Amino acid sequence: MSGVWVFSNGVARLVSNPMAEPLDGSMEVTRSKRKVLVYTPTNEVITNYAALERKLLPLGWERYNEDSEVLQYHKTCSVHLISLPRDFSKFKSIHMFDIVVKNRNAFEVRDMYI
């Protein structure tokens, strides 16, 4: 059993996901979280593909197969390939983690609370 104990009006209750429920007992959700890709050397959140490409090119990645419905990057010195949806609004955490695994020292995925 894990979570946070919340005391409100003399009553204690266990909240298993404190970020999903407000701690004051009200019914509205106070914050939500989403995953963001962060370029760790500058602590910059990647908000579009132009910014991502500016970070990938110096790391040895090249754009590959420009006519496709996906954006692809490859490294000539390896077999790695990064495939991304052409529309950035469809850029999901699975794509972020793929970038992180192939560039461990340059990127990380973080939770951003909004």
PDB file of N, CA and C in Angstrom:
ATOM      1  N   MET A   1       0.850  -1.168   0.000  1.00  0.00           N
ATOM      2  CA  MET A   1       0.000   0.000   0.000  1.00  0.00           C
ATOM      3  C   MET A   1       0.896   1.232   0.000  1.00  0.00           C
ATOM      4  N   SER A   2       0.810   2.031  -1.056  1.00  0.00           N
ATOM      5  CA  SER A   2       1.639   3.233  -1.127  1.00  0.00           C
ATOM      6  C   SER A   2       0.772   4.424  -1.477  1.00  0.00           C
ATOM      7  N   GLY A   3       1.281   5.579  -1.160  1.00  0.00           N
ATOM      8  CA  GLY A   3       0.553   6.804  -1.448  1.00  0.00           C
ATOM      9  C   GLY A   3       0.894   7.868  -0.438  1.00  0.00           C
ATOM     10  N   VAL A   4       0.023   8.827  -0.310  1.00  0.00           N
ATOM     11  CA  VAL A   4       0.202   9.943   0.602  1.00  0.00           C
ATOM     12  C   VAL A   4      -1.024  10.024   1.495  1.00  0.00           C
ATOM     13  N   TRP A   5      -0.783  10.138   2.807  1.00  0.00           N
ATOM     14  CA  TRP A   5      -1.887  10.320   3.740  1.00  0.00           C
ATOM     15  C   TRP A   5      -2.281  11.790   3.750  1.00  0.00           C
ATOM     16  N   VAL A   6      -3.571  12.058   3.555  1.00  0.00           N
ATOM     17  CA  VAL A   6      -4.104  13.414   3.533  1.00  0.00           C
ATOM     18  C   VAL A   6      -5.056  13.570   4.709  1.00  0.00           C
ATOM     19  N   PHE A   7      -4.844  14.630   5.494  1.00  0.00           N
ATOM     20  CA  PHE A   7      -5.708  14.929   6.625  1.00  0.00           C
ATOM     21  C   PHE A   7      -6.556  16.137   6.276  1.00  0.00           C
ATOM     22  N   SER A   8      -7.864  15.975   6.307  1.00  0.00           N
ATOM     23  CA  SER A   8      -8.781  17.057   5.972  1.00  0.00           C
ATOM     24  C   SER A   8      -9.975  16.987   6.914  1.00  0.00           C
ATOM     25  N   ASN A   9     -10.252  18.069   7.626  1.00  0.00           N
ATOM     26  CA  ASN A   9     -11.387  18.143   8.559  1.00  0.00           C
ATOM     27  C   ASN A   9     -11.358  17.010   9.588  1.00  0.00           C
ATOM     28  N   GLY A  10     -10.163  16.682  10.076  1.00  0.00           N
ATOM     29  CA  GLY A  10     -10.032  15.649  11.091  1.00  0.00           C
ATOM     30  C   GLY A  10     -10.128  14.233  10.578  1.00  0.00           C
ATOM     31  N   VAL A  11     -10.221  14.050   9.268  1.00  0.00           N
ATOM     32  CA  VAL A  11     -10.331  12.719   8.687  1.00  0.00           C
ATOM     33  C   VAL A  11      -9.071  12.442   7.861  1.00  0.00           C
ATOM     34  N   ALA A  12      -8.492  11.258   8.039  1.00  0.00           N
ATOM     35  CA  ALA A  12      -7.312  10.860   7.269  1.00  0.00           C
ATOM     36  C   ALA A  12      -7.735   9.899   6.173  1.00  0.00           C
ATOM     37  N   ARG A  13      -7.147  10.084   5.000  1.00  0.00           N
ATOM     38  CA  ARG A  13      -7.397   9.137   3.910  1.00  0.00           C
ATOM     39  C   ARG A  13      -6.118   8.969   3.110  1.00  0.00           C
ATOM     40  N   LEU A  14      -5.957   7.814   2.489  1.00  0.00           N
ATOM     41  CA  LEU A  14      -4.782   7.497   1.696  1.00  0.00           C
ATOM     42  C   LEU A  14      -5.059   7.827   0.243  1.00  0.00           C
ATOM     43  N   VAL A  15      -4.230   8.680  -0.349  1.00  0.00           N
ATOM     44  CA  VAL A  15      -4.351   9.033  -1.761  1.00  0.00           C
ATOM     45  C   VAL A  15      -3.239   8.302  -2.491  1.00  0.00           C
ATOM     46  N   SER A  16      -3.609   7.383  -3.406  1.00  0.00           N
ATOM     47  CA  SER A  16      -2.599   6.571  -4.084  1.00  0.00           C
ATOM     48  C   SER A  16      -1.851   7.339  -5.165  1.00  0.00           C
ATOM     49  N   ASN A  17      -2.484   8.304  -5.812  1.00  0.00           N
ATOM     50  CA  ASN A  17      -1.838   9.114  -6.839  1.00  0.00           C
ATOM     51  C   ASN A  17      -2.077  10.579  -6.495  1.00  0.00           C
ATOM     52  N   PRO A  18      -1.201  11.193  -5.690  1.00  0.00           N
ATOM     53  CA  PRO A  18      -1.456  12.548  -5.223  1.00  0.00           C
ATOM     54  C   PRO A  18      -1.471  13.600  -6.324  1.00  0.00           C
ATOM     55  N   MET A  19      -0.860  13.332  -7.483  1.00  0.00           N
ATOM     56  CA  MET A  19      -0.884  14.312  -8.561  1.00  0.00           C
ATOM     57  C   MET A  19      -2.200  14.291  -9.324  1.00  0.00           C
ATOM     58  N   ALA A  20      -2.938  13.192  -9.224  1.00  0.00           N
ATOM     59  CA  ALA A  20      -4.221  13.110  -9.914  1.00  0.00           C
ATOM     60  C   ALA A  20      -5.348  13.699  -9.091  1.00  0.00           C
ATOM     61  N   GLU A  21      -5.173  13.723  -7.768  1.00  0.00           N
ATOM     62  CA  GLU A  21      -6.200  14.267  -6.875  1.00  0.00           C
ATOM     63  C   GLU A  21      -5.631  15.462  -6.130  1.00  0.00           C
ATOM     64  N   PRO A  22      -6.420  16.497  -5.950  1.00  0.00           N
ATOM     65  CA  PRO A  22      -5.940  17.602  -5.123  1.00  0.00           C
ATOM     66  C   PRO A  22      -5.864  17.170  -3.663  1.00  0.00           C
ATOM     67  N   LEU A  23      -4.905  17.710  -2.929  1.00  0.00           N
ATOM     68  CA  LEU A  23      -4.708  17.304  -1.544  1.00  0.00           C
ATOM     69  C   LEU A  23      -5.700  17.947  -0.588  1.00  0.00           C
ATOM     70  N   ASP A  24      -6.457  18.959  -1.042  1.00  0.00           N
ATOM     71  CA  ASP A  24      -7.395  19.624  -0.137  1.00  0.00           C
ATOM     72  C   ASP A  24      -8.756  18.949  -0.088  1.00  0.00           C
ATOM     73  N   GLY A  25      -8.941  17.848  -0.806  1.00  0.00           N
ATOM     74  CA  GLY A  25     -10.192  17.113  -0.759  1.00  0.00           C
ATOM     75  C   GLY A  25     -11.223  17.571  -1.782  1.00  0.00           C
ATOM     76  N   SER A  26     -10.969  18.636  -2.537  1.00  0.00           N
ATOM     77  CA  SER A  26     -11.930  19.075  -3.540  1.00  0.00           C
ATOM     78  C   SER A  26     -11.932  18.090  -4.704  1.00  0.00           C
ATOM     79  N   MET A  27     -12.911  18.172  -5.549  1.00  0.00           N
ATOM     80  CA  MET A  27     -13.068  17.203  -6.617  1.00  0.00           C
ATOM     81  C   MET A  27     -12.356  17.588  -7.912  1.00  0.00           C
ATOM     82  N   GLU A  28     -11.900  18.817  -8.056  1.00  0.00           N
ATOM     83  CA  GLU A  28     -11.270  19.207  -9.307  1.00  0.00           C
ATOM     84  C   GLU A  28      -9.808  18.782  -9.333  1.00  0.00           C
ATOM     85  N   VAL A  29      -9.308  18.486 -10.512  1.00  0.00           N
ATOM     86  CA  VAL A  29      -7.924  18.093 -10.685  1.00  0.00           C
ATOM     87  C   VAL A  29      -7.095  19.357 -10.815  1.00  0.00           C
ATOM     88  N   THR A  30      -6.023  19.451 -10.024  1.00  0.00           N
ATOM     89  CA  THR A  30      -5.248  20.687  -9.997  1.00  0.00           C
ATOM     90  C   THR A  30      -4.178  20.740 -11.077  1.00  0.00           C
ATOM     91  N   ARG A  31      -3.502  19.623 -11.337  1.00  0.00           N
ATOM     92  CA  ARG A  31      -2.436  19.629 -12.326  1.00  0.00           C
ATOM     93  C   ARG A  31      -2.462  18.325 -13.108  1.00  0.00           C
ATOM     94  N   SER A  32      -1.975  18.384 -14.318  1.00  0.00           N
ATOM     95  CA  SER A  32      -1.785  17.170 -15.095  1.00  0.00           C
ATOM     96  C   SER A  32      -0.338  17.135 -15.534  1.00  0.00           C
ATOM     97  N   LYS A  33       0.115  15.969 -15.943  1.00  0.00           N
ATOM     98  CA  LYS A  33       1.496  15.874 -16.374  1.00  0.00           C
ATOM     99  C   LYS A  33       1.562  15.280 -17.766  1.00  0.00           C
ATOM    100  N   ARG A  34       2.628  15.641 -18.448  1.00  0.00           N
ATOM    101  CA  ARG A  34       2.906  15.062 -19.744  1.00  0.00           C
ATOM    102  C   ARG A  34       4.402  14.892 -19.864  1.00  0.00           C
ATOM    103  N   LYS A  35       4.824  14.053 -20.759  1.00  0.00           N
ATOM    104  CA  LYS A  35       6.238  13.786 -20.977  1.00  0.00           C
ATOM    105  C   LYS A  35       6.797  14.816 -21.954  1.00  0.00           C
ATOM    106  N   VAL A  36       8.024  15.250 -21.688  1.00  0.00           N
ATOM    107  CA  VAL A  36       8.722  16.153 -22.601  1.00  0.00           C
ATOM    108  C   VAL A  36      10.132  15.621 -22.817  1.00  0.00           C
ATOM    109  N   LEU A  37      10.669  15.880 -24.001  1.00  0.00           N
ATOM    110  CA  LEU A  37      12.034  15.517 -24.342  1.00  0.00           C
ATOM    111  C   LEU A  37      12.917  16.708 -24.018  1.00  0.00           C
ATOM    112  N   VAL A  38      13.993  16.467 -23.262  1.00  0.00           N
ATOM    113  CA  VAL A  38      14.881  17.542 -22.832  1.00  0.00           C
ATOM    114  C   VAL A  38      16.289  17.267 -23.359  1.00  0.00           C
ATOM    115  N   TYR A  39      16.886  18.288 -23.963  1.00  0.00           N
ATOM    116  CA  TYR A  39      18.288  18.228 -24.370  1.00  0.00           C
ATOM    117  C   TYR A  39      19.102  18.596 -23.139  1.00  0.00           C
ATOM    118  N   THR A  40      19.779  17.628 -22.544  1.00  0.00           N
ATOM    119  CA  THR A  40      20.379  17.810 -21.226  1.00  0.00           C
ATOM    120  C   THR A  40      21.553  18.789 -21.157  1.00  0.00           C
ATOM    121  N   PRO A  41      22.412  18.920 -22.179  1.00  0.00           N
ATOM    122  CA  PRO A  41      23.511  19.884 -22.030  1.00  0.00           C
ATOM    123  C   PRO A  41      23.047  21.321 -21.788  1.00  0.00           C
ATOM    124  N   THR A  42      21.898  21.698 -22.366  1.00  0.00           N
ATOM    125  CA  THR A  42      21.390  23.068 -22.186  1.00  0.00           C
ATOM    126  C   THR A  42      20.082  23.107 -21.398  1.00  0.00           C
ATOM    127  N   ASN A  43      19.584  21.931 -21.000  1.00  0.00           N
ATOM    128  CA  ASN A  43      18.320  21.838 -20.262  1.00  0.00           C
ATOM    129  C   ASN A  43      17.149  22.408 -21.069  1.00  0.00           C
ATOM    130  N   GLU A  44      17.202  22.271 -22.381  1.00  0.00           N
ATOM    131  CA  GLU A  44      16.189  22.817 -23.289  1.00  0.00           C
ATOM    132  C   GLU A  44      15.115  21.771 -23.598  1.00  0.00           C
ATOM    133  N   VAL A  45      13.862  22.157 -23.456  1.00  0.00           N
ATOM    134  CA  VAL A  45      12.742  21.288 -23.832  1.00  0.00           C
ATOM    135  C   VAL A  45      12.564  21.376 -25.338  1.00  0.00           C
ATOM    136  N   ILE A  46      12.501  20.222 -25.984  1.00  0.00           N
ATOM    137  CA  ILE A  46      12.333  20.171 -27.442  1.00  0.00           C
ATOM    138  C   ILE A  46      10.849  20.352 -27.751  1.00  0.00           C
ATOM    139  N   THR A  47      10.526  21.445 -28.464  1.00  0.00           N
ATOM    140  CA  THR A  47       9.122  21.772 -28.731  1.00  0.00           C
ATOM    141  C   THR A  47       8.737  21.635 -30.201  1.00  0.00           C
ATOM    142  N   ASN A  48       9.697  21.338 -31.071  1.00  0.00           N
ATOM    143  CA  ASN A  48       9.388  21.151 -32.486  1.00  0.00           C
ATOM    144  C   ASN A  48      10.518  20.373 -33.148  1.00  0.00           C
ATOM    145  N   TYR A  49      10.278  19.935 -34.373  1.00  0.00           N
ATOM    146  CA  TYR A  49      11.279  19.124 -35.073  1.00  0.00           C
ATOM    147  C   TYR A  49      12.495  19.934 -35.507  1.00  0.00           C
ATOM    148  N   ALA A  50      12.339  21.214 -35.764  1.00  0.00           N
ATOM    149  CA  ALA A  50      13.496  22.039 -36.142  1.00  0.00           C
ATOM    150  C   ALA A  50      14.499  22.083 -34.982  1.00  0.00           C
ATOM    151  N   ALA A  51      14.005  22.258 -33.770  1.00  0.00           N
ATOM    152  CA  ALA A  51      14.885  22.269 -32.591  1.00  0.00           C
ATOM    153  C   ALA A  51      15.532  20.907 -32.387  1.00  0.00           C
ATOM    154  N   LEU A  52      14.764  19.845 -32.590  1.00  0.00           N
ATOM    155  CA  LEU A  52      15.312  18.504 -32.444  1.00  0.00           C
ATOM    156  C   LEU A  52      16.409  18.248 -33.468  1.00  0.00           C
ATOM    157  N   GLU A  53      16.168  18.634 -34.709  1.00  0.00           N
ATOM    158  CA  GLU A  53      17.170  18.403 -35.755  1.00  0.00           C
ATOM    159  C   GLU A  53      18.456  19.191 -35.477  1.00  0.00           C
ATOM    160  N   ARG A  54      18.319  20.402 -34.933  1.00  0.00           N
ATOM    161  CA  ARG A  54      19.513  21.191 -34.579  1.00  0.00           C
ATOM    162  C   ARG A  54      20.358  20.488 -33.517  1.00  0.00           C
ATOM    163  N   LYS A  55      19.740  19.664 -32.704  1.00  0.00           N
ATOM    164  CA  LYS A  55      20.475  18.916 -31.682  1.00  0.00           C
ATOM    165  C   LYS A  55      21.007  17.587 -32.223  1.00  0.00           C
ATOM    166  N   LEU A  56      20.261  16.949 -33.119  1.00  0.00           N
ATOM    167  CA  LEU A  56      20.672  15.643 -33.642  1.00  0.00           C
ATOM    168  C   LEU A  56      21.834  15.731 -34.633  1.00  0.00           C
ATOM    169  N   LEU A  57      21.837  16.733 -35.499  1.00  0.00           N
ATOM    170  CA  LEU A  57      22.876  16.825 -36.536  1.00  0.00           C
ATOM    171  C   LEU A  57      24.289  16.866 -35.960  1.00  0.00           C
ATOM    172  N   PRO A  58      24.579  17.684 -34.948  1.00  0.00           N
ATOM    173  CA  PRO A  58      25.938  17.669 -34.380  1.00  0.00           C
ATOM    174  C   PRO A  58      26.312  16.348 -33.689  1.00  0.00           C
ATOM    175  N   LEU A  59      25.318  15.545 -33.346  1.00  0.00           N
ATOM    176  CA  LEU A  59      25.577  14.250 -32.722  1.00  0.00           C
ATOM    177  C   LEU A  59      25.845  13.155 -33.750  1.00  0.00           C
ATOM    178  N   GLY A  60      25.872  13.524 -35.035  1.00  0.00           N
ATOM    179  CA  GLY A  60      26.184  12.558 -36.085  1.00  0.00           C
ATOM    180  C   GLY A  60      24.982  11.972 -36.797  1.00  0.00           C
ATOM    181  N   TRP A  61      23.789  12.445 -36.499  1.00  0.00           N
ATOM    182  CA  TRP A  61      22.584  11.956 -37.163  1.00  0.00           C
ATOM    183  C   TRP A  61      22.365  12.715 -38.468  1.00  0.00           C
ATOM    184  N   GLU A  62      21.882  12.015 -39.479  1.00  0.00           N
ATOM    185  CA  GLU A  62      21.559  12.622 -40.773  1.00  0.00           C
ATOM    186  C   GLU A  62      20.124  12.294 -41.125  1.00  0.00           C
ATOM    187  N   ARG A  63      19.476  13.239 -41.809  1.00  0.00           N
ATOM    188  CA  ARG A  63      18.109  12.972 -42.250  1.00  0.00           C
ATOM    189  C   ARG A  63      18.156  11.913 -43.343  1.00  0.00           C
ATOM    190  N   TYR A  64      17.191  11.016 -43.321  1.00  0.00           N
ATOM    191  CA  TYR A  64      17.162   9.862 -44.207  1.00  0.00           C
ATOM    192  C   TYR A  64      15.774   9.739 -44.807  1.00  0.00           C
ATOM    193  N   ASN A  65      15.680   9.441 -46.083  1.00  0.00           N
ATOM    194  CA  ASN A  65      14.411   9.134 -46.747  1.00  0.00           C
ATOM    195  C   ASN A  65      13.405  10.275 -46.611  1.00  0.00           C
ATOM    196  N   GLU A  66      13.652  11.385 -47.253  1.00  0.00           N
ATOM    197  CA  GLU A  66      12.829  12.587 -47.109  1.00  0.00           C
ATOM    198  C   GLU A  66      11.437  12.489 -47.736  1.00  0.00           C
ATOM    199  N   ASP A  67      11.192  11.542 -48.615  1.00  0.00           N
ATOM    200  CA  ASP A  67       9.898  11.453 -49.289  1.00  0.00           C
ATOM    201  C   ASP A  67       8.849  10.681 -48.488  1.00  0.00           C
ATOM    202  N   SER A  68       9.227  10.135 -47.401  1.00  0.00           N
ATOM    203  CA  SER A  68       8.349   9.276 -46.624  1.00  0.00           C
ATOM    204  C   SER A  68       7.328  10.086 -45.824  1.00  0.00           C
ATOM    205  N   GLU A  69       6.371   9.396 -45.242  1.00  0.00           N
ATOM    206  CA  GLU A  69       5.389  10.037 -44.374  1.00  0.00           C
ATOM    207  C   GLU A  69       5.903  10.154 -42.950  1.00  0.00           C
ATOM    208  N   VAL A  70       7.121   9.686 -42.712  1.00  0.00           N
ATOM    209  CA  VAL A  70       7.757   9.809 -41.409  1.00  0.00           C
ATOM    210  C   VAL A  70       9.103  10.505 -41.578  1.00  0.00           C
ATOM    211  N   LEU A  71       9.556  11.149 -40.529  1.00  0.00           N
ATOM    212  CA  LEU A  71      10.907  11.699 -40.520  1.00  0.00           C
ATOM    213  C   LEU A  71      11.833  10.614 -40.003  1.00  0.00           C
ATOM    214  N   GLN A  72      12.936  10.416 -40.687  1.00  0.00           N
ATOM    215  CA  GLN A  72      13.876   9.397 -40.250  1.00  0.00           C
ATOM    216  C   GLN A  72      15.271   9.984 -40.188  1.00  0.00           C
ATOM    217  N   TYR A  73      16.010   9.565 -39.175  1.00  0.00           N
ATOM    218  CA  TYR A  73      17.403   9.965 -39.002  1.00  0.00           C
ATOM    219  C   TYR A  73      18.228   8.703 -38.798  1.00  0.00           C
ATOM    220  N   HIS A  74      19.444   8.698 -39.357  1.00  0.00           N
ATOM    221  CA  HIS A  74      20.328   7.563 -39.164  1.00  0.00           C
ATOM    222  C   HIS A  74      21.740   8.054 -38.918  1.00  0.00           C
ATOM    223  N   LYS A  75      22.550   7.182 -38.323  1.00  0.00           N
ATOM    224  CA  LYS A  75      23.971   7.444 -38.133  1.00  0.00           C
ATOM    225  C   LYS A  75      24.724   6.544 -39.091  1.00  0.00           C
ATOM    226  N   THR A  76      25.655   7.130 -39.817  1.00  0.00           N
ATOM    227  CA  THR A  76      26.398   6.333 -40.793  1.00  0.00           C
ATOM    228  C   THR A  76      27.313   5.310 -40.126  1.00  0.00           C
ATOM    229  N   CYS A  77      27.716   5.558 -38.890  1.00  0.00           N
ATOM    230  CA  CYS A  77      28.630   4.650 -38.197  1.00  0.00           C
ATOM    231  C   CYS A  77      27.899   3.570 -37.405  1.00  0.00           C
ATOM    232  N   SER A  78      26.579   3.480 -37.523  1.00  0.00           N
ATOM    233  CA  SER A  78      25.825   2.466 -36.780  1.00  0.00           C
ATOM    234  C   SER A  78      24.611   2.017 -37.576  1.00  0.00           C
ATOM    235  N   VAL A  79      23.888   1.084 -37.020  1.00  0.00           N
ATOM    236  CA  VAL A  79      22.667   0.586 -37.660  1.00  0.00           C
ATOM    237  C   VAL A  79      21.422   1.261 -37.091  1.00  0.00           C
ATOM    238  N   HIS A  80      21.598   2.225 -36.182  1.00  0.00           N
ATOM    239  CA  HIS A  80      20.465   2.872 -35.539  1.00  0.00           C
ATOM    240  C   HIS A  80      19.684   3.751 -36.505  1.00  0.00           C
ATOM    241  N   LEU A  81      18.372   3.747 -36.319  1.00  0.00           N
ATOM    242  CA  LEU A  81      17.460   4.564 -37.117  1.00  0.00           C
ATOM    243  C   LEU A  81      16.400   5.122 -36.173  1.00  0.00           C
ATOM    244  N   ILE A  82      16.154   6.413 -36.283  1.00  0.00           N
ATOM    245  CA  ILE A  82      15.092   7.059 -35.519  1.00  0.00           C
ATOM    246  C   ILE A  82      13.975   7.396 -36.497  1.00  0.00           C
ATOM    247  N   SER A  83      12.769   6.903 -36.237  1.00  0.00           N
ATOM    248  CA  SER A  83      11.606   7.185 -37.078  1.00  0.00           C
ATOM    249  C   SER A  83      10.584   7.954 -36.263  1.00  0.00           C
ATOM    250  N   LEU A  84      10.154   9.089 -36.802  1.00  0.00           N
ATOM    251  CA  LEU A  84       9.224   9.971 -36.103  1.00  0.00           C
ATOM    252  C   LEU A  84       8.045  10.309 -37.005  1.00  0.00           C
ATOM    253  N   PRO A  85       6.858  10.512 -36.443  1.00  0.00           N
ATOM    254  CA  PRO A  85       5.731  10.952 -37.268  1.00  0.00           C
ATOM    255  C   PRO A  85       6.006  12.350 -37.810  1.00  0.00           C
ATOM    256  N   ARG A  86       5.609  12.608 -39.032  1.00  0.00           N
ATOM    257  CA  ARG A  86       5.889  13.911 -39.639  1.00  0.00           C
ATOM    258  C   ARG A  86       5.201  15.055 -38.884  1.00  0.00           C
ATOM    259  N   ASP A  87       4.049  14.797 -38.304  1.00  0.00           N
ATOM    260  CA  ASP A  87       3.305  15.800 -37.544  1.00  0.00           C
ATOM    261  C   ASP A  87       3.790  15.780 -36.088  1.00  0.00           C
ATOM    262  N   PHE A  88       4.341  16.900 -35.601  1.00  0.00           N
ATOM    263  CA  PHE A  88       4.900  16.950 -34.256  1.00  0.00           C
ATOM    264  C   PHE A  88       3.836  16.722 -33.185  1.00  0.00           C
ATOM    265  N   SER A  89       2.582  17.009 -33.476  1.00  0.00           N
ATOM    266  CA  SER A  89       1.529  16.772 -32.475  1.00  0.00           C
ATOM    267  C   SER A  89       1.337  15.276 -32.209  1.00  0.00           C
ATOM    268  N   LYS A  90       1.857  14.421 -33.076  1.00  0.00           N
ATOM    269  CA  LYS A  90       1.784  12.972 -32.894  1.00  0.00           C
ATOM    270  C   LYS A  90       3.074  12.405 -32.297  1.00  0.00           C
ATOM    271  N   PHE A  91       3.981  13.278 -31.916  1.00  0.00           N
ATOM    272  CA  PHE A  91       5.252  12.914 -31.282  1.00  0.00           C
ATOM    273  C   PHE A  91       4.957  12.497 -29.839  1.00  0.00           C
ATOM    274  N   LYS A  92       5.074  11.212 -29.550  1.00  0.00           N
ATOM    275  CA  LYS A  92       4.665  10.649 -28.254  1.00  0.00           C
ATOM    276  C   LYS A  92       5.882  10.196 -27.447  1.00  0.00           C
ATOM    277  N   SER A  93       5.625   9.753 -26.236  1.00  0.00           N
ATOM    278  CA  SER A  93       6.711   9.347 -25.347  1.00  0.00           C
ATOM    279  C   SER A  93       7.509   8.170 -25.906  1.00  0.00           C
ATOM    280  N   ILE A  94       6.892   7.298 -26.678  1.00  0.00           N
ATOM    281  CA  ILE A  94       7.629   6.174 -27.270  1.00  0.00           C
ATOM    282  C   ILE A  94       8.725   6.686 -28.204  1.00  0.00           C
ATOM    283  N   HIS A  95       8.447   7.757 -28.927  1.00  0.00           N
ATOM    284  CA  HIS A  95       9.452   8.356 -29.816  1.00  0.00           C
ATOM    285  C   HIS A  95      10.553   9.024 -28.999  1.00  0.00           C
ATOM    286  N   MET A  96      10.145   9.673 -27.897  1.00  0.00           N
ATOM    287  CA  MET A  96      11.120  10.332 -27.025  1.00  0.00           C
ATOM    288  C   MET A  96      12.089   9.317 -26.443  1.00  0.00           C
ATOM    289  N   PHE A  97      11.555   8.205 -25.944  1.00  0.00           N
ATOM    290  CA  PHE A  97      12.419   7.196 -25.342  1.00  0.00           C
ATOM    291  C   PHE A  97      13.332   6.557 -26.383  1.00  0.00           C
ATOM    292  N   ASP A  98      12.882   6.436 -27.614  1.00  0.00           N
ATOM    293  CA  ASP A  98      13.733   5.913 -28.685  1.00  0.00           C
ATOM    294  C   ASP A  98      14.938   6.837 -28.887  1.00  0.00           C
ATOM    295  N   ILE A  99      14.704   8.134 -28.877  1.00  0.00           N
ATOM    296  CA  ILE A  99      15.790   9.104 -29.020  1.00  0.00           C
ATOM    297  C   ILE A  99      16.741   9.020 -27.830  1.00  0.00           C
ATOM    298  N   VAL A 100      16.190   8.895 -26.635  1.00  0.00           N
ATOM    299  CA  VAL A 100      17.012   8.823 -25.427  1.00  0.00           C
ATOM    300  C   VAL A 100      17.901   7.581 -25.439  1.00  0.00           C
ATOM    301  N   VAL A 101      17.346   6.437 -25.802  1.00  0.00           N
ATOM    302  CA  VAL A 101      18.119   5.193 -25.813  1.00  0.00           C
ATOM    303  C   VAL A 101      19.289   5.295 -26.785  1.00  0.00           C
ATOM    304  N   LYS A 102      19.097   5.980 -27.878  1.00  0.00           N
ATOM    305  CA  LYS A 102      20.147   6.082 -28.898  1.00  0.00           C
ATOM    306  C   LYS A 102      21.084   7.269 -28.690  1.00  0.00           C
ATOM    307  N   ASN A 103      20.767   8.125 -27.706  1.00  0.00           N
ATOM    308  CA  ASN A 103      21.591   9.295 -27.389  1.00  0.00           C
ATOM    309  C   ASN A 103      21.582   9.520 -25.877  1.00  0.00           C
ATOM    310  N   ARG A 104      22.057   8.568 -25.126  1.00  0.00           N
ATOM    311  CA  ARG A 104      21.929   8.577 -23.663  1.00  0.00           C
ATOM    312  C   ARG A 104      22.530   9.805 -22.992  1.00  0.00           C
ATOM    313  N   ASN A 105      23.600  10.341 -23.513  1.00  0.00           N
ATOM    314  CA  ASN A 105      24.262  11.474 -22.861  1.00  0.00           C
ATOM    315  C   ASN A 105      23.701  12.823 -23.272  1.00  0.00           C
ATOM    316  N   ALA A 106      22.788  12.848 -24.225  1.00  0.00           N
ATOM    317  CA  ALA A 106      22.313  14.128 -24.755  1.00  0.00           C
ATOM    318  C   ALA A 106      20.849  14.425 -24.459  1.00  0.00           C
ATOM    319  N   PHE A 107      20.030  13.411 -24.237  1.00  0.00           N
ATOM    320  CA  PHE A 107      18.600  13.627 -24.055  1.00  0.00           C
ATOM    321  C   PHE A 107      18.086  12.846 -22.856  1.00  0.00           C
ATOM    322  N   GLU A 108      16.972  13.317 -22.310  1.00  0.00           N
ATOM    323  CA  GLU A 108      16.225  12.570 -21.317  1.00  0.00           C
ATOM    324  C   GLU A 108      14.754  12.962 -21.408  1.00  0.00           C
ATOM    325  N   VAL A 109      13.906  12.084 -20.912  1.00  0.00           N
ATOM    326  CA  VAL A 109      12.462  12.333 -20.882  1.00  0.00           C
ATOM    327  C   VAL A 109      12.103  12.701 -19.444  1.00  0.00           C
ATOM    328  N   ARG A 110      11.360  13.786 -19.306  1.00  0.00           N
ATOM    329  CA  ARG A 110      10.935  14.249 -17.984  1.00  0.00           C
ATOM    330  C   ARG A 110       9.426  14.444 -17.967  1.00  0.00           C
ATOM    331  N   ASP A 111       8.874  14.407 -16.758  1.00  0.00           N
ATOM    332  CA  ASP A 111       7.472  14.763 -16.563  1.00  0.00           C
ATOM    333  C   ASP A 111       7.378  16.267 -16.426  1.00  0.00           C
ATOM    334  N   MET A 112       6.432  16.852 -17.142  1.00  0.00           N
ATOM    335  CA  MET A 112       6.199  18.291 -17.037  1.00  0.00           C
ATOM    336  C   MET A 112       4.777  18.465 -16.515  1.00  0.00           C
ATOM    337  N   TYR A 113       4.647  19.188 -15.415  1.00  0.00           N
ATOM    338  CA  TYR A 113       3.331  19.400 -14.806  1.00  0.00           C
ATOM    339  C   TYR A 113       2.751  20.702 -15.320  1.00  0.00           C
ATOM    340  N   ILE A 114       1.518  20.609 -15.818  1.00  0.00           N
ATOM    341  CA  ILE A 114       0.852  21.797 -16.364  1.00  0.00           C
ATOM    342  C   ILE A 114      -0.462  22.034 -15.657  1.00  0.00           C
TER     343      ILE A 114
END
